[in-house]
């Protein structure tokens, strides 16, 4: 019983740490010099993740190594059975050629792949849906749709994945992202 209470308190503390703005968006901040906005585990059984997001002006950046400008930062998504570095689907973004590009990003049996979905303007509200279909992921951002293959695995356990900056590089300045799950 004590273990159950401790787990409940741990989950409550993690979920209560998110700040919301006046419009009900969770505000995620990736601090300068870091990769993650938060460390949190929230399991889900959904096969469709629907949310709106806002990339603020702070999501514009310049990488130290110009080749890293092509890296995809992670916005929001879900693991797909087991560890997210094996199988997952996320919406990502990068700032390339003075444009905020929105990307479909997956890990497929341990290998990542991505494809551009659309471009968005900073501070605009964008609608998004990631659907886990039989053998594909469907990414829909502002009615622009991309499909990427889904690896068949046996585990049904999924958890949410939150904003993450970079690959090789850390955030060059504080980055603020707003997400509201529908």
N, C-alpha and C. Protein backbone atom coordinates (compact mmCIF):
# COMPACT_ATOMS: atom_id res chain seq x y z
N UNK A 1 0.83 -1.20 0.00
CA UNK A 1 0.00 0.00 0.00
C UNK A 1 0.87 1.27 0.00
N UNK A 2 1.94 1.25 0.79
CA UNK A 2 2.84 2.42 0.84
C UNK A 2 3.48 2.64 -0.52
N UNK A 3 3.86 1.55 -1.19
CA UNK A 3 4.46 1.66 -2.53
C UNK A 3 3.47 2.32 -3.50
N UNK A 4 2.21 1.93 -3.43
CA UNK A 4 1.19 2.51 -4.29
C UNK A 4 1.01 4.00 -4.01
N UNK A 5 1.02 4.39 -2.75
CA UNK A 5 0.90 5.81 -2.37
C UNK A 5 2.10 6.58 -2.89
N UNK A 6 3.30 6.02 -2.77
CA UNK A 6 4.51 6.69 -3.26
C UNK A 6 4.46 6.87 -4.77
N UNK A 7 3.99 5.87 -5.48
CA UNK A 7 3.86 5.99 -6.94
C UNK A 7 2.86 7.08 -7.29
N UNK A 8 1.72 7.11 -6.61
CA UNK A 8 0.72 8.14 -6.85
C UNK A 8 1.30 9.53 -6.60
N UNK A 9 2.00 9.72 -5.49
CA UNK A 9 2.60 11.02 -5.18
C UNK A 9 3.63 11.43 -6.23
N UNK A 10 4.44 10.46 -6.66
CA UNK A 10 5.45 10.74 -7.68
C UNK A 10 4.78 11.22 -8.97
N UNK A 11 3.75 10.51 -9.42
CA UNK A 11 3.03 10.90 -10.64
C UNK A 11 2.35 12.25 -10.45
N UNK A 12 1.74 12.48 -9.30
CA UNK A 12 1.08 13.76 -9.03
C UNK A 12 2.08 14.92 -9.09
N UNK A 13 3.24 14.73 -8.48
CA UNK A 13 4.25 15.80 -8.49
C UNK A 13 4.75 16.07 -9.91
N UNK A 14 4.95 15.02 -10.68
CA UNK A 14 5.40 15.23 -12.05
C UNK A 14 4.35 15.94 -12.88
N UNK A 15 3.10 15.53 -12.74
CA UNK A 15 2.06 16.16 -13.56
C UNK A 15 1.72 17.56 -13.10
N UNK A 16 1.94 17.87 -11.85
CA UNK A 16 1.59 19.20 -11.37
C UNK A 16 2.69 20.21 -11.63
N UNK A 17 3.86 19.78 -12.11
CA UNK A 17 4.98 20.69 -12.34
C UNK A 17 4.84 21.48 -13.64
N UNK A 18 3.97 21.04 -14.54
CA UNK A 18 3.83 21.74 -15.80
C UNK A 18 3.07 23.04 -15.60
N UNK A 19 3.60 24.08 -16.20
CA UNK A 19 2.93 25.38 -16.14
C UNK A 19 1.99 25.50 -17.32
N UNK A 20 0.83 26.12 -17.08
CA UNK A 20 -0.14 26.37 -18.15
C UNK A 20 -0.26 27.87 -18.34
N UNK A 21 -0.46 28.25 -19.61
CA UNK A 21 -0.70 29.67 -19.88
C UNK A 21 -2.21 29.94 -19.78
N UNK A 22 -2.63 31.15 -20.04
CA UNK A 22 -4.03 31.54 -19.92
C UNK A 22 -4.96 30.86 -20.91
N UNK A 23 -4.40 30.28 -21.98
CA UNK A 23 -5.21 29.58 -22.97
C UNK A 23 -5.22 28.06 -22.77
N UNK A 24 -4.64 27.60 -21.67
CA UNK A 24 -4.64 26.17 -21.35
C UNK A 24 -3.52 25.36 -21.97
N UNK A 25 -2.55 26.03 -22.59
CA UNK A 25 -1.40 25.33 -23.16
C UNK A 25 -0.39 25.01 -22.05
N UNK A 26 0.16 23.79 -22.08
CA UNK A 26 1.31 23.48 -21.23
C UNK A 26 2.52 24.17 -21.83
N UNK A 27 3.28 24.86 -20.99
CA UNK A 27 4.44 25.61 -21.44
C UNK A 27 5.69 24.80 -21.11
N UNK A 28 6.41 24.39 -22.15
CA UNK A 28 7.64 23.62 -21.99
C UNK A 28 8.82 24.54 -22.29
N UNK A 29 9.79 24.55 -21.41
CA UNK A 29 10.98 25.36 -21.62
C UNK A 29 12.21 24.47 -21.62
N UNK A 30 12.96 24.53 -22.72
CA UNK A 30 14.25 23.86 -22.79
C UNK A 30 15.28 24.93 -22.48
N UNK A 31 15.96 24.78 -21.38
CA UNK A 31 16.92 25.79 -20.94
C UNK A 31 18.19 25.76 -21.81
N UNK A 32 18.80 26.92 -21.95
CA UNK A 32 20.06 27.04 -22.67
C UNK A 32 21.05 26.01 -22.11
N UNK A 33 21.71 25.30 -23.01
CA UNK A 33 22.70 24.32 -22.60
C UNK A 33 22.14 22.94 -22.27
N UNK A 34 20.84 22.75 -22.49
CA UNK A 34 20.19 21.47 -22.17
C UNK A 34 19.51 20.89 -23.41
N UNK A 35 19.12 19.62 -23.31
CA UNK A 35 18.36 18.95 -24.36
C UNK A 35 16.88 18.88 -24.03
N UNK A 36 16.55 18.55 -22.77
CA UNK A 36 15.18 18.22 -22.39
C UNK A 36 14.43 19.39 -21.76
N UNK A 37 13.12 19.35 -21.98
CA UNK A 37 12.25 20.31 -21.30
C UNK A 37 11.87 19.77 -19.93
N UNK A 38 11.51 18.49 -19.87
CA UNK A 38 11.18 17.83 -18.61
C UNK A 38 11.56 16.35 -18.72
N UNK A 39 11.68 15.71 -17.58
CA UNK A 39 11.81 14.26 -17.53
C UNK A 39 10.56 13.75 -16.86
N UNK A 40 9.77 13.02 -17.63
CA UNK A 40 8.46 12.61 -17.13
C UNK A 40 8.01 11.37 -17.89
N UNK A 41 7.38 10.45 -17.20
CA UNK A 41 6.81 9.28 -17.86
C UNK A 41 5.30 9.29 -17.62
N UNK A 42 4.57 9.28 -18.73
CA UNK A 42 3.12 9.19 -18.67
C UNK A 42 2.69 8.15 -19.70
N UNK A 43 2.17 7.04 -19.21
CA UNK A 43 1.74 5.96 -20.10
C UNK A 43 0.38 6.27 -20.70
N UNK A 44 0.15 5.71 -21.88
CA UNK A 44 -1.11 5.92 -22.58
C UNK A 44 -1.47 4.67 -23.36
N UNK A 45 -2.75 4.48 -23.59
CA UNK A 45 -3.22 3.36 -24.40
C UNK A 45 -3.78 3.84 -25.74
N UNK A 46 -3.73 5.13 -25.98
CA UNK A 46 -4.32 5.68 -27.19
C UNK A 46 -3.54 5.25 -28.44
N UNK A 47 -4.23 5.21 -29.56
CA UNK A 47 -3.57 4.95 -30.84
C UNK A 47 -3.61 6.20 -31.73
N UNK A 48 -4.18 7.28 -31.17
CA UNK A 48 -4.21 8.56 -31.87
C UNK A 48 -3.89 9.66 -30.86
N UNK A 49 -2.91 10.46 -31.16
CA UNK A 49 -2.52 11.58 -30.31
C UNK A 49 -2.89 12.87 -31.02
N UNK A 50 -3.84 13.62 -30.43
CA UNK A 50 -4.33 14.85 -31.03
C UNK A 50 -3.95 16.01 -30.11
N UNK A 51 -3.35 17.06 -30.69
CA UNK A 51 -2.91 18.20 -29.89
C UNK A 51 -2.75 19.43 -30.77
N UNK A 52 -2.67 20.57 -30.12
CA UNK A 52 -2.30 21.81 -30.79
C UNK A 52 -0.97 22.26 -30.20
N UNK A 53 -0.21 23.00 -30.98
CA UNK A 53 1.09 23.48 -30.50
C UNK A 53 1.40 24.86 -31.04
N UNK A 54 2.26 25.53 -30.31
CA UNK A 54 2.78 26.84 -30.71
C UNK A 54 4.29 26.80 -30.57
N UNK A 55 5.00 27.07 -31.66
CA UNK A 55 6.45 27.27 -31.59
C UNK A 55 6.67 28.77 -31.49
N UNK A 56 7.26 29.20 -30.41
CA UNK A 56 7.48 30.63 -30.21
C UNK A 56 8.68 31.10 -31.02
N UNK A 57 8.90 32.39 -31.05
CA UNK A 57 10.08 32.96 -31.73
C UNK A 57 11.37 32.33 -31.24
N UNK A 58 11.36 31.87 -29.99
CA UNK A 58 12.58 31.27 -29.41
C UNK A 58 12.96 29.95 -30.08
N UNK A 59 12.08 29.40 -30.91
CA UNK A 59 12.38 28.14 -31.61
C UNK A 59 13.25 28.35 -32.83
N UNK A 60 13.55 29.60 -33.14
CA UNK A 60 14.52 29.91 -34.18
C UNK A 60 15.90 29.84 -33.54
N UNK A 61 16.85 29.23 -34.24
CA UNK A 61 18.18 29.06 -33.67
C UNK A 61 19.21 28.88 -34.79
N UNK A 62 20.46 29.02 -34.43
CA UNK A 62 21.56 28.74 -35.35
C UNK A 62 22.49 27.75 -34.66
N UNK A 63 22.75 26.65 -35.34
CA UNK A 63 23.63 25.61 -34.79
C UNK A 63 25.08 26.06 -34.86
N UNK A 64 25.87 25.53 -33.96
CA UNK A 64 27.31 25.81 -33.99
C UNK A 64 27.92 25.18 -35.24
N UNK A 65 27.61 23.92 -35.47
CA UNK A 65 28.05 23.21 -36.67
C UNK A 65 26.93 23.33 -37.70
N UNK A 66 27.17 23.97 -38.84
CA UNK A 66 26.10 24.19 -39.82
C UNK A 66 25.38 22.91 -40.26
N UNK A 67 26.04 21.78 -40.26
CA UNK A 67 25.39 20.53 -40.66
C UNK A 67 24.29 20.13 -39.67
N UNK A 68 24.45 20.54 -38.40
CA UNK A 68 23.45 20.22 -37.37
C UNK A 68 22.16 21.01 -37.53
N UNK A 69 22.17 22.02 -38.40
CA UNK A 69 20.94 22.77 -38.67
C UNK A 69 19.89 21.85 -39.29
N UNK A 70 20.34 20.77 -39.90
CA UNK A 70 19.44 19.80 -40.54
C UNK A 70 18.88 18.78 -39.54
N UNK A 71 19.40 18.75 -38.32
CA UNK A 71 18.88 17.84 -37.29
C UNK A 71 17.43 18.17 -36.98
N UNK A 72 16.69 17.17 -36.52
CA UNK A 72 15.29 17.35 -36.16
C UNK A 72 15.15 17.36 -34.65
N UNK A 73 14.64 18.45 -34.12
CA UNK A 73 14.32 18.55 -32.69
C UNK A 73 12.95 17.92 -32.49
N UNK A 74 12.72 17.36 -31.33
CA UNK A 74 11.46 16.67 -31.10
C UNK A 74 10.48 17.57 -30.37
N UNK A 75 9.25 17.56 -30.85
CA UNK A 75 8.20 18.38 -30.28
C UNK A 75 7.33 17.56 -29.33
N UNK A 76 6.67 16.51 -29.84
CA UNK A 76 5.74 15.73 -29.03
C UNK A 76 5.42 14.45 -29.78
N UNK A 77 5.15 13.38 -29.05
CA UNK A 77 4.78 12.13 -29.68
C UNK A 77 4.67 11.01 -28.66
N UNK A 78 4.80 9.77 -29.15
CA UNK A 78 4.64 8.60 -28.29
C UNK A 78 5.61 7.50 -28.68
N UNK A 79 6.00 6.72 -27.67
CA UNK A 79 6.71 5.48 -27.95
C UNK A 79 5.69 4.50 -28.53
N UNK A 80 6.19 3.44 -29.13
CA UNK A 80 5.29 2.47 -29.75
C UNK A 80 5.70 1.06 -29.33
N UNK A 81 5.47 0.75 -28.08
CA UNK A 81 5.81 -0.57 -27.57
C UNK A 81 7.28 -0.64 -27.19
N UNK A 82 7.55 -0.61 -25.90
CA UNK A 82 8.93 -0.67 -25.44
C UNK A 82 9.62 0.68 -25.49
N UNK A 83 10.91 0.65 -25.66
CA UNK A 83 11.75 1.86 -25.62
C UNK A 83 11.51 2.74 -26.85
N UNK A 84 11.43 4.05 -26.64
CA UNK A 84 11.15 4.97 -27.75
C UNK A 84 12.30 5.04 -28.76
N UNK A 85 13.52 4.69 -28.37
CA UNK A 85 14.61 4.71 -29.34
C UNK A 85 14.56 3.50 -30.27
N UNK A 86 13.69 2.53 -29.95
CA UNK A 86 13.45 1.41 -30.86
C UNK A 86 12.29 1.72 -31.81
N UNK A 87 11.14 2.11 -31.23
CA UNK A 87 9.95 2.37 -32.04
C UNK A 87 9.17 3.53 -31.43
N UNK A 88 8.97 4.59 -32.20
CA UNK A 88 8.21 5.75 -31.74
C UNK A 88 7.82 6.61 -32.92
N UNK A 89 6.86 7.49 -32.67
CA UNK A 89 6.43 8.46 -33.67
C UNK A 89 6.29 9.82 -33.00
N UNK A 90 6.89 10.83 -33.61
CA UNK A 90 6.85 12.18 -33.04
C UNK A 90 6.76 13.22 -34.14
N UNK A 91 6.27 14.36 -33.73
CA UNK A 91 6.37 15.56 -34.55
C UNK A 91 7.66 16.24 -34.14
N UNK A 92 8.42 16.68 -35.12
CA UNK A 92 9.66 17.39 -34.84
C UNK A 92 9.67 18.73 -35.54
N UNK A 93 10.72 19.50 -35.26
CA UNK A 93 10.88 20.78 -35.95
C UNK A 93 12.36 21.08 -36.10
N UNK A 94 12.64 21.92 -37.07
CA UNK A 94 13.98 22.47 -37.24
C UNK A 94 13.83 23.86 -37.85
N UNK A 95 14.85 24.67 -37.66
CA UNK A 95 14.87 26.01 -38.23
C UNK A 95 15.89 25.99 -39.35
N UNK A 96 15.40 25.98 -40.58
CA UNK A 96 16.26 25.81 -41.74
C UNK A 96 15.88 26.84 -42.80
N UNK A 97 16.88 27.55 -43.31
CA UNK A 97 16.65 28.57 -44.34
C UNK A 97 15.60 29.59 -43.91
N UNK A 98 15.71 30.02 -42.66
CA UNK A 98 14.82 31.02 -42.08
C UNK A 98 13.35 30.58 -42.03
N UNK A 99 13.11 29.28 -41.95
CA UNK A 99 11.75 28.72 -41.88
C UNK A 99 11.69 27.71 -40.74
N UNK A 100 10.56 27.69 -40.03
CA UNK A 100 10.29 26.65 -39.05
C UNK A 100 9.62 25.49 -39.78
N UNK A 101 10.39 24.43 -39.99
CA UNK A 101 9.88 23.26 -40.68
C UNK A 101 9.34 22.25 -39.66
N UNK A 102 8.19 21.69 -39.95
CA UNK A 102 7.59 20.66 -39.11
C UNK A 102 7.83 19.32 -39.79
N UNK A 103 8.30 18.37 -39.00
CA UNK A 103 8.74 17.08 -39.54
C UNK A 103 8.00 15.92 -38.89
N UNK A 104 7.74 14.88 -39.70
CA UNK A 104 7.33 13.58 -39.17
C UNK A 104 8.64 12.87 -38.81
N UNK A 105 8.71 12.31 -37.61
CA UNK A 105 9.96 11.71 -37.13
C UNK A 105 9.63 10.37 -36.47
N UNK A 106 10.29 9.31 -36.91
CA UNK A 106 10.04 8.01 -36.30
C UNK A 106 11.34 7.29 -35.98
N UNK A 107 11.24 6.41 -35.01
CA UNK A 107 12.22 5.35 -34.83
C UNK A 107 11.51 4.09 -35.29
N UNK A 108 12.16 3.37 -36.18
CA UNK A 108 11.59 2.16 -36.78
C UNK A 108 12.60 1.03 -36.56
N UNK A 109 12.30 0.18 -35.59
CA UNK A 109 13.18 -0.93 -35.24
C UNK A 109 14.61 -0.44 -34.97
N UNK A 110 14.72 0.69 -34.27
CA UNK A 110 16.01 1.23 -33.87
C UNK A 110 16.63 2.24 -34.81
N UNK A 111 16.08 2.40 -36.01
CA UNK A 111 16.61 3.38 -36.96
C UNK A 111 15.63 4.53 -37.10
N UNK A 112 16.14 5.76 -37.19
CA UNK A 112 15.23 6.89 -37.31
C UNK A 112 15.07 7.30 -38.76
N UNK A 113 13.92 7.88 -39.05
CA UNK A 113 13.67 8.47 -40.34
C UNK A 113 12.75 9.67 -40.14
N UNK A 114 12.82 10.59 -41.08
CA UNK A 114 11.98 11.78 -40.97
C UNK A 114 11.63 12.30 -42.35
N UNK A 115 10.55 13.08 -42.38
CA UNK A 115 10.09 13.68 -43.62
C UNK A 115 9.39 15.00 -43.29
N UNK A 116 9.64 16.00 -44.11
CA UNK A 116 9.01 17.30 -43.90
C UNK A 116 7.50 17.21 -44.14
N UNK A 117 6.75 17.82 -43.22
CA UNK A 117 5.29 17.89 -43.37
C UNK A 117 4.88 19.24 -43.92
N UNK A 118 5.35 20.31 -43.28
CA UNK A 118 4.96 21.66 -43.68
C UNK A 118 5.87 22.67 -42.99
N UNK A 119 5.59 23.92 -43.21
CA UNK A 119 6.25 25.02 -42.50
C UNK A 119 5.19 25.75 -41.70
N UNK A 120 5.60 26.33 -40.56
CA UNK A 120 4.67 27.09 -39.73
C UNK A 120 5.30 28.43 -39.37
N UNK A 121 4.47 29.35 -38.98
CA UNK A 121 4.92 30.66 -38.52
C UNK A 121 5.05 30.63 -37.00
N UNK A 122 6.03 31.34 -36.47
CA UNK A 122 6.15 31.40 -35.01
C UNK A 122 4.91 32.04 -34.38
N UNK A 123 4.57 31.57 -33.20
CA UNK A 123 3.47 32.07 -32.37
C UNK A 123 2.07 31.77 -32.91
N UNK A 124 1.96 30.97 -33.99
CA UNK A 124 0.66 30.56 -34.50
C UNK A 124 0.25 29.24 -33.85
N UNK A 125 -1.06 29.06 -33.67
CA UNK A 125 -1.59 27.80 -33.17
C UNK A 125 -1.70 26.83 -34.34
N UNK A 126 -1.17 25.62 -34.15
CA UNK A 126 -1.16 24.59 -35.19
C UNK A 126 -1.85 23.34 -34.68
N UNK A 127 -2.69 22.74 -35.52
CA UNK A 127 -3.37 21.51 -35.13
C UNK A 127 -2.57 20.31 -35.62
N UNK A 128 -2.59 19.25 -34.82
CA UNK A 128 -1.77 18.10 -35.12
C UNK A 128 -2.43 16.81 -34.67
N UNK A 129 -2.18 15.75 -35.43
CA UNK A 129 -2.64 14.43 -35.03
C UNK A 129 -1.64 13.39 -35.54
N UNK A 130 -1.26 12.48 -34.65
CA UNK A 130 -0.44 11.33 -35.01
C UNK A 130 -1.31 10.10 -34.79
N UNK A 131 -1.51 9.32 -35.85
CA UNK A 131 -2.33 8.11 -35.76
C UNK A 131 -1.45 6.89 -36.00
N UNK A 132 -1.61 5.90 -35.12
CA UNK A 132 -0.90 4.64 -35.23
C UNK A 132 -1.81 3.67 -35.99
N UNK A 133 -1.55 3.48 -37.28
CA UNK A 133 -2.34 2.58 -38.10
C UNK A 133 -1.67 1.20 -38.09
N UNK A 134 -2.22 0.24 -38.82
CA UNK A 134 -1.67 -1.12 -38.79
C UNK A 134 -0.17 -1.16 -39.09
N UNK A 135 0.22 -0.67 -40.26
CA UNK A 135 1.63 -0.75 -40.64
C UNK A 135 2.21 0.62 -41.01
N UNK A 136 1.48 1.69 -40.64
CA UNK A 136 1.93 3.05 -40.95
C UNK A 136 1.60 3.98 -39.79
N UNK A 137 2.36 5.09 -39.73
CA UNK A 137 2.00 6.22 -38.88
C UNK A 137 1.46 7.29 -39.82
N UNK A 138 0.39 7.93 -39.42
CA UNK A 138 -0.12 9.06 -40.18
C UNK A 138 0.12 10.32 -39.36
N UNK A 139 0.78 11.29 -39.96
CA UNK A 139 1.06 12.58 -39.33
C UNK A 139 0.23 13.63 -40.06
N UNK A 140 -0.57 14.37 -39.31
CA UNK A 140 -1.40 15.40 -39.90
C UNK A 140 -1.15 16.70 -39.14
N UNK A 141 -0.58 17.68 -39.82
CA UNK A 141 -0.34 19.00 -39.23
C UNK A 141 -1.00 20.03 -40.13
N UNK A 142 -1.99 20.72 -39.57
CA UNK A 142 -2.71 21.75 -40.32
C UNK A 142 -3.21 21.21 -41.67
N UNK A 143 -3.72 19.96 -41.65
CA UNK A 143 -4.26 19.28 -42.83
C UNK A 143 -3.23 18.94 -43.89
N UNK A 144 -1.96 18.93 -43.53
CA UNK A 144 -0.89 18.40 -44.38
C UNK A 144 -0.55 17.02 -43.83
N UNK A 145 -0.63 15.99 -44.68
CA UNK A 145 -0.52 14.62 -44.21
C UNK A 145 0.70 13.92 -44.80
N UNK A 146 1.41 13.20 -43.92
CA UNK A 146 2.57 12.39 -44.30
C UNK A 146 2.41 11.02 -43.64
N UNK A 147 2.83 9.98 -44.36
CA UNK A 147 2.82 8.61 -43.82
C UNK A 147 4.26 8.09 -43.75
N UNK A 148 4.58 7.43 -42.64
CA UNK A 148 5.85 6.73 -42.52
C UNK A 148 5.57 5.32 -42.02
N UNK A 149 6.43 4.35 -42.39
CA UNK A 149 6.18 2.97 -41.99
C UNK A 149 6.27 2.76 -40.48
N UNK A 150 5.46 1.81 -40.01
CA UNK A 150 5.41 1.45 -38.59
C UNK A 150 5.93 0.03 -38.45
N UNK A 151 6.84 -0.16 -37.51
CA UNK A 151 7.39 -1.49 -37.25
C UNK A 151 6.40 -2.32 -36.45
N UNK A 152 6.19 -3.54 -36.86
CA UNK A 152 5.29 -4.45 -36.13
C UNK A 152 6.01 -4.95 -34.89
N UNK A 153 5.48 -4.64 -33.72
CA UNK A 153 6.05 -5.17 -32.49
C UNK A 153 4.93 -5.73 -31.63
N UNK A 154 5.29 -6.48 -30.64
CA UNK A 154 4.26 -7.17 -29.85
C UNK A 154 3.85 -6.39 -28.61
N UNK A 155 4.68 -5.50 -28.14
CA UNK A 155 4.36 -4.76 -26.92
C UNK A 155 3.34 -3.66 -27.22
N UNK A 156 2.37 -3.51 -26.35
CA UNK A 156 1.34 -2.47 -26.50
C UNK A 156 1.64 -1.25 -25.63
N UNK A 157 2.68 -1.31 -24.81
CA UNK A 157 2.97 -0.25 -23.86
C UNK A 157 3.50 0.99 -24.58
N UNK A 158 2.82 2.11 -24.38
CA UNK A 158 3.21 3.38 -24.99
C UNK A 158 3.34 4.44 -23.90
N UNK A 159 4.21 5.39 -24.13
CA UNK A 159 4.31 6.54 -23.24
C UNK A 159 4.57 7.79 -24.06
N UNK A 160 4.17 8.93 -23.50
CA UNK A 160 4.31 10.21 -24.20
C UNK A 160 5.75 10.66 -24.20
N UNK A 161 6.12 11.38 -25.25
CA UNK A 161 7.47 11.93 -25.42
C UNK A 161 7.37 13.44 -25.56
N UNK A 162 8.17 14.15 -24.80
CA UNK A 162 8.06 15.61 -24.68
C UNK A 162 9.18 16.33 -25.42
N UNK A 163 9.11 17.67 -25.50
CA UNK A 163 10.10 18.43 -26.26
C UNK A 163 11.55 18.12 -25.88
N UNK A 164 12.36 18.01 -26.94
CA UNK A 164 13.77 17.67 -26.81
C UNK A 164 14.52 18.40 -27.92
N UNK A 165 15.61 19.06 -27.58
CA UNK A 165 16.39 19.82 -28.56
C UNK A 165 17.63 19.04 -28.95
N UNK A 166 17.86 18.99 -30.25
CA UNK A 166 19.13 18.55 -30.78
C UNK A 166 19.33 17.06 -30.92
N UNK A 167 20.55 16.82 -31.21
CA UNK A 167 21.15 15.52 -31.33
C UNK A 167 22.52 15.73 -30.70
N UNK A 168 23.44 16.26 -31.49
CA UNK A 168 24.80 16.55 -31.00
C UNK A 168 24.83 17.81 -30.13
N UNK A 169 24.04 18.79 -30.48
CA UNK A 169 24.12 20.09 -29.80
C UNK A 169 22.98 20.27 -28.81
N UNK A 170 23.24 21.13 -27.84
CA UNK A 170 22.23 21.50 -26.84
C UNK A 170 21.57 22.82 -27.28
N UNK A 171 20.51 23.20 -26.60
CA UNK A 171 19.81 24.43 -26.93
C UNK A 171 20.76 25.62 -26.79
N UNK A 172 20.87 26.46 -27.82
CA UNK A 172 21.77 27.61 -27.77
C UNK A 172 21.24 28.76 -26.91
N UNK A 173 19.96 28.72 -26.60
CA UNK A 173 19.30 29.71 -25.75
C UNK A 173 18.03 29.05 -25.20
N UNK A 174 17.35 29.69 -24.27
CA UNK A 174 16.09 29.14 -23.76
C UNK A 174 15.09 29.04 -24.91
N UNK A 175 14.43 27.90 -25.00
CA UNK A 175 13.44 27.66 -26.06
C UNK A 175 12.11 27.34 -25.38
N UNK A 176 11.06 28.02 -25.83
CA UNK A 176 9.73 27.81 -25.24
C UNK A 176 8.77 27.28 -26.30
N UNK A 177 8.07 26.20 -25.91
CA UNK A 177 7.11 25.53 -26.78
C UNK A 177 5.82 25.36 -25.98
N UNK A 178 4.69 25.55 -26.64
CA UNK A 178 3.39 25.38 -25.97
C UNK A 178 2.63 24.26 -26.64
N UNK A 179 2.07 23.35 -25.81
CA UNK A 179 1.33 22.20 -26.31
C UNK A 179 0.05 22.03 -25.50
N UNK A 180 -1.05 21.77 -26.20
CA UNK A 180 -2.32 21.46 -25.55
C UNK A 180 -2.85 20.18 -26.15
N UNK A 181 -2.94 19.15 -25.30
CA UNK A 181 -3.46 17.87 -25.76
C UNK A 181 -4.98 17.92 -25.79
N UNK A 182 -5.55 17.42 -26.86
CA UNK A 182 -7.01 17.44 -27.03
C UNK A 182 -7.61 16.18 -26.43
